[in-house]
C-alpha atoms as a PDB file:
ATOM      1  CA  MET A   1       6.632 -19.917  13.841  1.00  0.00           C
ATOM      2  CA  ALA A   2       4.856 -16.798  12.560  1.00  0.00           C
ATOM      3  CA  GLU A   3       1.100 -16.508  12.829  1.00  0.00           C
ATOM      4  CA  THR A   4      -0.839 -16.971   9.619  1.00  0.00           C
ATOM      5  CA  VAL A   5      -1.401 -13.746   7.707  1.00  0.00           C
ATOM      6  CA  THR A   6      -4.628 -13.302   5.759  1.00  0.00           C
ATOM      7  CA  VAL A   7      -5.130 -10.487   3.269  1.00  0.00           C
ATOM      8  CA  LEU A   8      -8.609  -9.084   2.712  1.00  0.00           C
ATOM      9  CA  PRO A   9     -10.108  -6.206   0.758  1.00  0.00           C
ATOM     10  CA  LEU A  10     -10.430  -3.237   3.089  1.00  0.00           C
ATOM     11  CA  ALA A  11     -13.922  -3.062   4.617  1.00  0.00           C
ATOM     12  CA  HIS A  12     -15.729  -0.747   7.025  1.00  0.00           C
ATOM     13  CA  GLU A  13     -15.109  -3.111   9.941  1.00  0.00           C
ATOM     14  CA  HIS A  14     -11.336  -2.606   9.536  1.00  0.00           C
ATOM     15  CA  GLU A  15     -11.420   1.112  10.357  1.00  0.00           C
ATOM     16  CA  ALA A  16     -10.309   0.796  14.007  1.00  0.00           C
ATOM     17  CA  GLY A  17      -7.224  -1.158  12.913  1.00  0.00           C
ATOM     18  CA  TRP A  18      -6.566   0.829   9.747  1.00  0.00           C
ATOM     19  CA  ARG A  19      -6.434   4.274  11.391  1.00  0.00           C
ATOM     20  CA  PRO A  20      -3.426   3.672  13.682  1.00  0.00           C
ATOM     21  CA  LEU A  21      -1.542   2.005  10.828  1.00  0.00           C
ATOM     22  CA  PHE A  22      -2.179   4.866   8.422  1.00  0.00           C
ATOM     23  CA  ARG A  23      -1.181   7.316  11.164  1.00  0.00           C
ATOM     24  CA  GLY A  24       2.037   5.309  11.581  1.00  0.00           C
ATOM     25  CA  TYR A  25       2.654   5.442   7.840  1.00  0.00           C
ATOM     26  CA  ARG A  26       2.207   9.211   7.776  1.00  0.00           C
ATOM     27  CA  THR A  27       4.449   9.607  10.837  1.00  0.00           C
ATOM     28  CA  PHE A  28       7.170   7.500   9.191  1.00  0.00           C
ATOM     29  CA  TYR A  29       7.191   9.878   6.219  1.00  0.00           C
ATOM     30  CA  LYS A  30       7.034  12.900   8.552  1.00  0.00           C
ATOM     31  CA  TRP A  31       3.606  14.084   7.480  1.00  0.00           C
ATOM     32  CA  PRO A  32       1.858  16.141  10.174  1.00  0.00           C
ATOM     33  CA  GLU A  33      -0.939  14.602  12.197  1.00  0.00           C
ATOM     34  CA  ASP A  34      -4.221  15.449  10.508  1.00  0.00           C
ATOM     35  CA  GLU A  35      -7.414  13.524  11.200  1.00  0.00           C
ATOM     36  CA  ALA A  36      -9.077  15.267   8.240  1.00  0.00           C
ATOM     37  CA  VAL A  37      -6.598  13.516   5.938  1.00  0.00           C
ATOM     38  CA  LEU A  38      -7.404  10.142   7.495  1.00  0.00           C
ATOM     39  CA  ASP A  39     -11.123  10.852   7.144  1.00  0.00           C
ATOM     40  CA  ARG A  40     -10.698  11.837   3.493  1.00  0.00           C
ATOM     41  CA  VAL A  41      -8.577   8.808   2.593  1.00  0.00           C
ATOM     42  CA  TRP A  42     -10.987   6.495   4.430  1.00  0.00           C
ATOM     43  CA  ALA A  43     -13.850   8.006   2.402  1.00  0.00           C
ATOM     44  CA  TRP A  44     -11.919   7.574  -0.863  1.00  0.00           C
ATOM     45  CA  LEU A  45     -11.300   3.923  -0.026  1.00  0.00           C
ATOM     46  CA  HIS A  46     -15.050   3.331   0.262  1.00  0.00           C
ATOM     47  CA  ASP A  47     -16.188   5.461  -2.675  1.00  0.00           C
ATOM     48  CA  PRO A  48     -16.784   3.222  -5.702  1.00  0.00           C
ATOM     49  CA  ALA A  49     -16.215   6.254  -7.967  1.00  0.00           C
ATOM     50  CA  HIS A  50     -12.732   6.885  -6.529  1.00  0.00           C
ATOM     51  CA  PRO A  51      -9.823   4.855  -7.953  1.00  0.00           C
ATOM     52  CA  LEU A  52      -8.075   4.228  -4.604  1.00  0.00           C
ATOM     53  CA  GLU A  53      -8.560   0.757  -3.117  1.00  0.00           C
ATOM     54  CA  GLY A  54      -7.222  -0.949  -0.048  1.00  0.00           C
ATOM     55  CA  LEU A  55      -6.091  -4.277   1.297  1.00  0.00           C
ATOM     56  CA  VAL A  56      -5.493  -5.179   4.924  1.00  0.00           C
ATOM     57  CA  ALA A  57      -3.362  -7.919   6.403  1.00  0.00           C
ATOM     58  CA  MET A  58      -4.977  -9.692   9.336  1.00  0.00           C
ATOM     59  CA  GLN A  59      -3.148 -11.699  11.970  1.00  0.00           C
ATOM     60  CA  ASP A  60      -4.755 -13.194  15.037  1.00  0.00           C
ATOM     61  CA  GLY A  61      -7.916 -11.138  14.420  1.00  0.00           C
ATOM     62  CA  ARG A  62      -6.243  -7.770  14.118  1.00  0.00           C
ATOM     63  CA  VAL A  63      -5.202  -5.503  11.272  1.00  0.00           C
ATOM     64  CA  VAL A  64      -1.391  -5.582  11.078  1.00  0.00           C
ATOM     65  CA  GLY A  65      -0.763  -4.190   7.597  1.00  0.00           C
ATOM     66  CA  LEU A  66      -2.283  -2.068   4.868  1.00  0.00           C
ATOM     67  CA  ALA A  67      -1.812  -1.468   1.180  1.00  0.00           C
ATOM     68  CA  HIS A  68      -3.467   1.291  -0.859  1.00  0.00           C
ATOM     69  CA  PHE A  69      -3.377   0.893  -4.612  1.00  0.00           C
ATOM     70  CA  ARG A  70      -5.042   1.954  -7.840  1.00  0.00           C
ATOM     71  CA  GLY A  71      -4.958   1.446 -11.556  1.00  0.00           C
ATOM     72  CA  GLU A  72      -3.440   4.158 -13.690  1.00  0.00           C
ATOM     73  CA  PRO A  73      -3.032   4.629 -17.405  1.00  0.00           C
ATOM     74  CA  SER A  74       0.378   4.007 -18.895  1.00  0.00           C
ATOM     75  CA  PRO A  75       0.277   5.842 -22.238  1.00  0.00           C
ATOM     76  CA  SER A  76       3.624   4.406 -23.371  1.00  0.00           C
ATOM     77  CA  ARG A  77       2.219   0.892 -22.896  1.00  0.00           C
ATOM     78  CA  GLY A  78      -1.259   1.788 -24.103  1.00  0.00           C
ATOM     79  CA  MET A  79      -2.795   0.060 -21.091  1.00  0.00           C
ATOM     80  CA  GLU A  80      -3.595   0.304 -17.412  1.00  0.00           C
ATOM     81  CA  VAL A  81      -0.959  -0.645 -14.860  1.00  0.00           C
ATOM     82  CA  GLY A  82      -1.134  -0.886 -11.092  1.00  0.00           C
ATOM     83  CA  PHE A  83       0.266   1.681  -8.697  1.00  0.00           C
ATOM     84  CA  LEU A  84       0.911   0.959  -5.028  1.00  0.00           C
ATOM     85  CA  ASN A  85       0.487   4.224  -3.140  1.00  0.00           C
ATOM     86  CA  ASP A  86       1.067   3.073   0.415  1.00  0.00           C
ATOM     87  CA  LEU A  87       2.295  -0.051   2.184  1.00  0.00           C
ATOM     88  CA  PHE A  88       2.700  -0.185   5.945  1.00  0.00           C
ATOM     89  CA  VAL A  89       3.092  -2.960   8.496  1.00  0.00           C
ATOM     90  CA  ASP A  90       2.633  -2.630  12.241  1.00  0.00           C
ATOM     91  CA  PRO A  91       6.171  -2.479  13.688  1.00  0.00           C
ATOM     92  CA  GLU A  92       5.276  -5.319  16.092  1.00  0.00           C
ATOM     93  CA  ALA A  93       4.358  -7.560  13.123  1.00  0.00           C
ATOM     94  CA  ARG A  94       7.458  -6.850  11.039  1.00  0.00           C
ATOM     95  CA  GLY A  95       9.658  -9.792  10.211  1.00  0.00           C
ATOM     96  CA  GLY A  96       6.633 -12.058   9.794  1.00  0.00           C
ATOM     97  CA  ARG A  97       6.275 -11.687   5.994  1.00  0.00           C
ATOM     98  CA  VAL A  98       3.227  -9.385   6.311  1.00  0.00           C
ATOM     99  CA  GLY A  99       4.485  -6.949   3.665  1.00  0.00           C
ATOM    100  CA  GLU A 100       5.399  -9.796   1.340  1.00  0.00           C
ATOM    101  CA  VAL A 101       1.944 -11.353   1.693  1.00  0.00           C
ATOM    102  CA  LEU A 102       0.290  -7.987   0.947  1.00  0.00           C
ATOM    103  CA  LEU A 103       2.448  -7.582  -2.174  1.00  0.00           C
ATOM    104  CA  GLU A 104       1.668 -11.119  -3.317  1.00  0.00           C
ATOM    105  CA  GLU A 105      -2.047 -10.390  -3.048  1.00  0.00           C
ATOM    106  CA  LEU A 106      -1.543  -7.185  -5.012  1.00  0.00           C
ATOM    107  CA  ARG A 107       0.322  -9.229  -7.659  1.00  0.00           C
ATOM    108  CA  ARG A 108      -2.714 -11.537  -7.855  1.00  0.00           C
ATOM    109  CA  VAL A 109      -5.111  -8.571  -8.176  1.00  0.00           C
ATOM    110  CA  ALA A 110      -2.919  -7.106 -10.929  1.00  0.00           C
ATOM    111  CA  GLY A 111      -3.039 -10.381 -12.837  1.00  0.00           C
ATOM    112  CA  GLN A 112      -6.829 -10.541 -12.565  1.00  0.00           C
ATOM    113  CA  ARG A 113      -7.136  -6.988 -13.879  1.00  0.00           C
ATOM    114  CA  GLY A 114      -4.680  -7.406 -16.719  1.00  0.00           C
ATOM    115  CA  TRP A 115      -2.153  -4.979 -15.272  1.00  0.00           C
ATOM    116  CA  PRO A 116       1.234  -6.130 -16.585  1.00  0.00           C
ATOM    117  CA  ILE A 117       3.094  -4.407 -13.737  1.00  0.00           C
ATOM    118  CA  VAL A 118       2.568  -2.748 -10.391  1.00  0.00           C
ATOM    119  CA  ARG A 119       4.797   0.248  -9.677  1.00  0.00           C
ATOM    120  CA  TRP A 120       5.591   2.158  -6.501  1.00  0.00           C
ATOM    121  CA  ILE A 121       8.062   4.559  -4.987  1.00  0.00           C
ATOM    122  CA  THR A 122       9.695   4.645  -1.589  1.00  0.00           C
ATOM    123  CA  ALA A 123      12.096   6.865   0.269  1.00  0.00           C
ATOM    124  CA  ASP A 124      15.750   6.257  -0.496  1.00  0.00           C
ATOM    125  CA  ASP A 125      16.476   5.716   3.199  1.00  0.00           C
ATOM    126  CA  ASN A 126      13.622   3.245   3.744  1.00  0.00           C
ATOM    127  CA  TYR A 127      16.134   0.403   3.943  1.00  0.00           C
ATOM    128  CA  ARG A 128      13.956  -2.196   5.612  1.00  0.00           C
ATOM    129  CA  ALA A 129      11.185  -1.853   3.021  1.00  0.00           C
ATOM    130  CA  ARG A 130      13.709  -1.715   0.196  1.00  0.00           C
ATOM    131  CA  THR A 131      15.090  -5.087   1.307  1.00  0.00           C
ATOM    132  CA  LEU A 132      11.623  -6.546   0.790  1.00  0.00           C
ATOM    133  CA  TYR A 133      11.110  -4.687  -2.490  1.00  0.00           C
ATOM    134  CA  ASP A 134      14.430  -5.947  -3.828  1.00  0.00           C
ATOM    135  CA  ARG A 135      13.237  -9.515  -3.194  1.00  0.00           C
ATOM    136  CA  VAL A 136       9.859  -9.197  -4.931  1.00  0.00           C
ATOM    137  CA  ALA A 137      10.420  -6.583  -7.642  1.00  0.00           C
ATOM    138  CA  LYS A 138      13.030  -4.923  -9.838  1.00  0.00           C
ATOM    139  CA  LYS A 139      14.255  -1.416  -9.083  1.00  0.00           C
ATOM    140  CA  THR A 140      14.025   0.858 -12.090  1.00  0.00           C
ATOM    141  CA  ALA A 141      16.375   3.643 -13.145  1.00  0.00           C
ATOM    142  CA  TRP A 142      13.711   6.364 -12.877  1.00  0.00           C
ATOM    143  CA  ASN A 143      14.012   9.352 -10.561  1.00  0.00           C
ATOM    144  CA  LEU A 144      10.959  11.029  -9.063  1.00  0.00           C
ATOM    145  CA  TYR A 145      10.348  14.767  -9.349  1.00  0.00           C
ATOM    146  CA  GLU A 146       7.592  16.861  -7.792  1.00  0.00           C
ATOM    147  CA  MET A 147       6.482  20.253  -9.042  1.00  0.00           C
ATOM    148  CA  VAL A 148       4.413  22.451  -6.755  1.00  0.00           C
ATOM    149  CA  ALA A 149       1.129  23.611  -8.274  1.00  0.00           C
ATOM    150  CA  GLY A 150       0.515  27.278  -8.459  1.00  0.00           C
END
């Protein structure tokens, strides 16, 4: 039977567990190693003026998953919605419902804040995560575009 998973708001004492997970997330998406990025994101997560927030999944006293999220305006709805920026589970903890428990906590947070939906994107070839996402959410018909600033 899987160990119990507890989800908590990210706190300073989670840094030693958060850093390797966020590194793993960035590696998965082929972002270069960059401690300055980790430092900046960690600072954002603890800055009350910054919109980014974090959750961590704990199992047997260690951080085994993370979720970064924020509210964002949805002009077409005329209200705030939730946006999940990052979700990552320690590969050794996968298969134990850690990602699902993190998403359920985010669903609860969204309900408390009056966000009617939480949205996110993932890579097309992220099949394992997409299996989870297909269970807990509905895939939309939208395509994502990125335009380089300049």
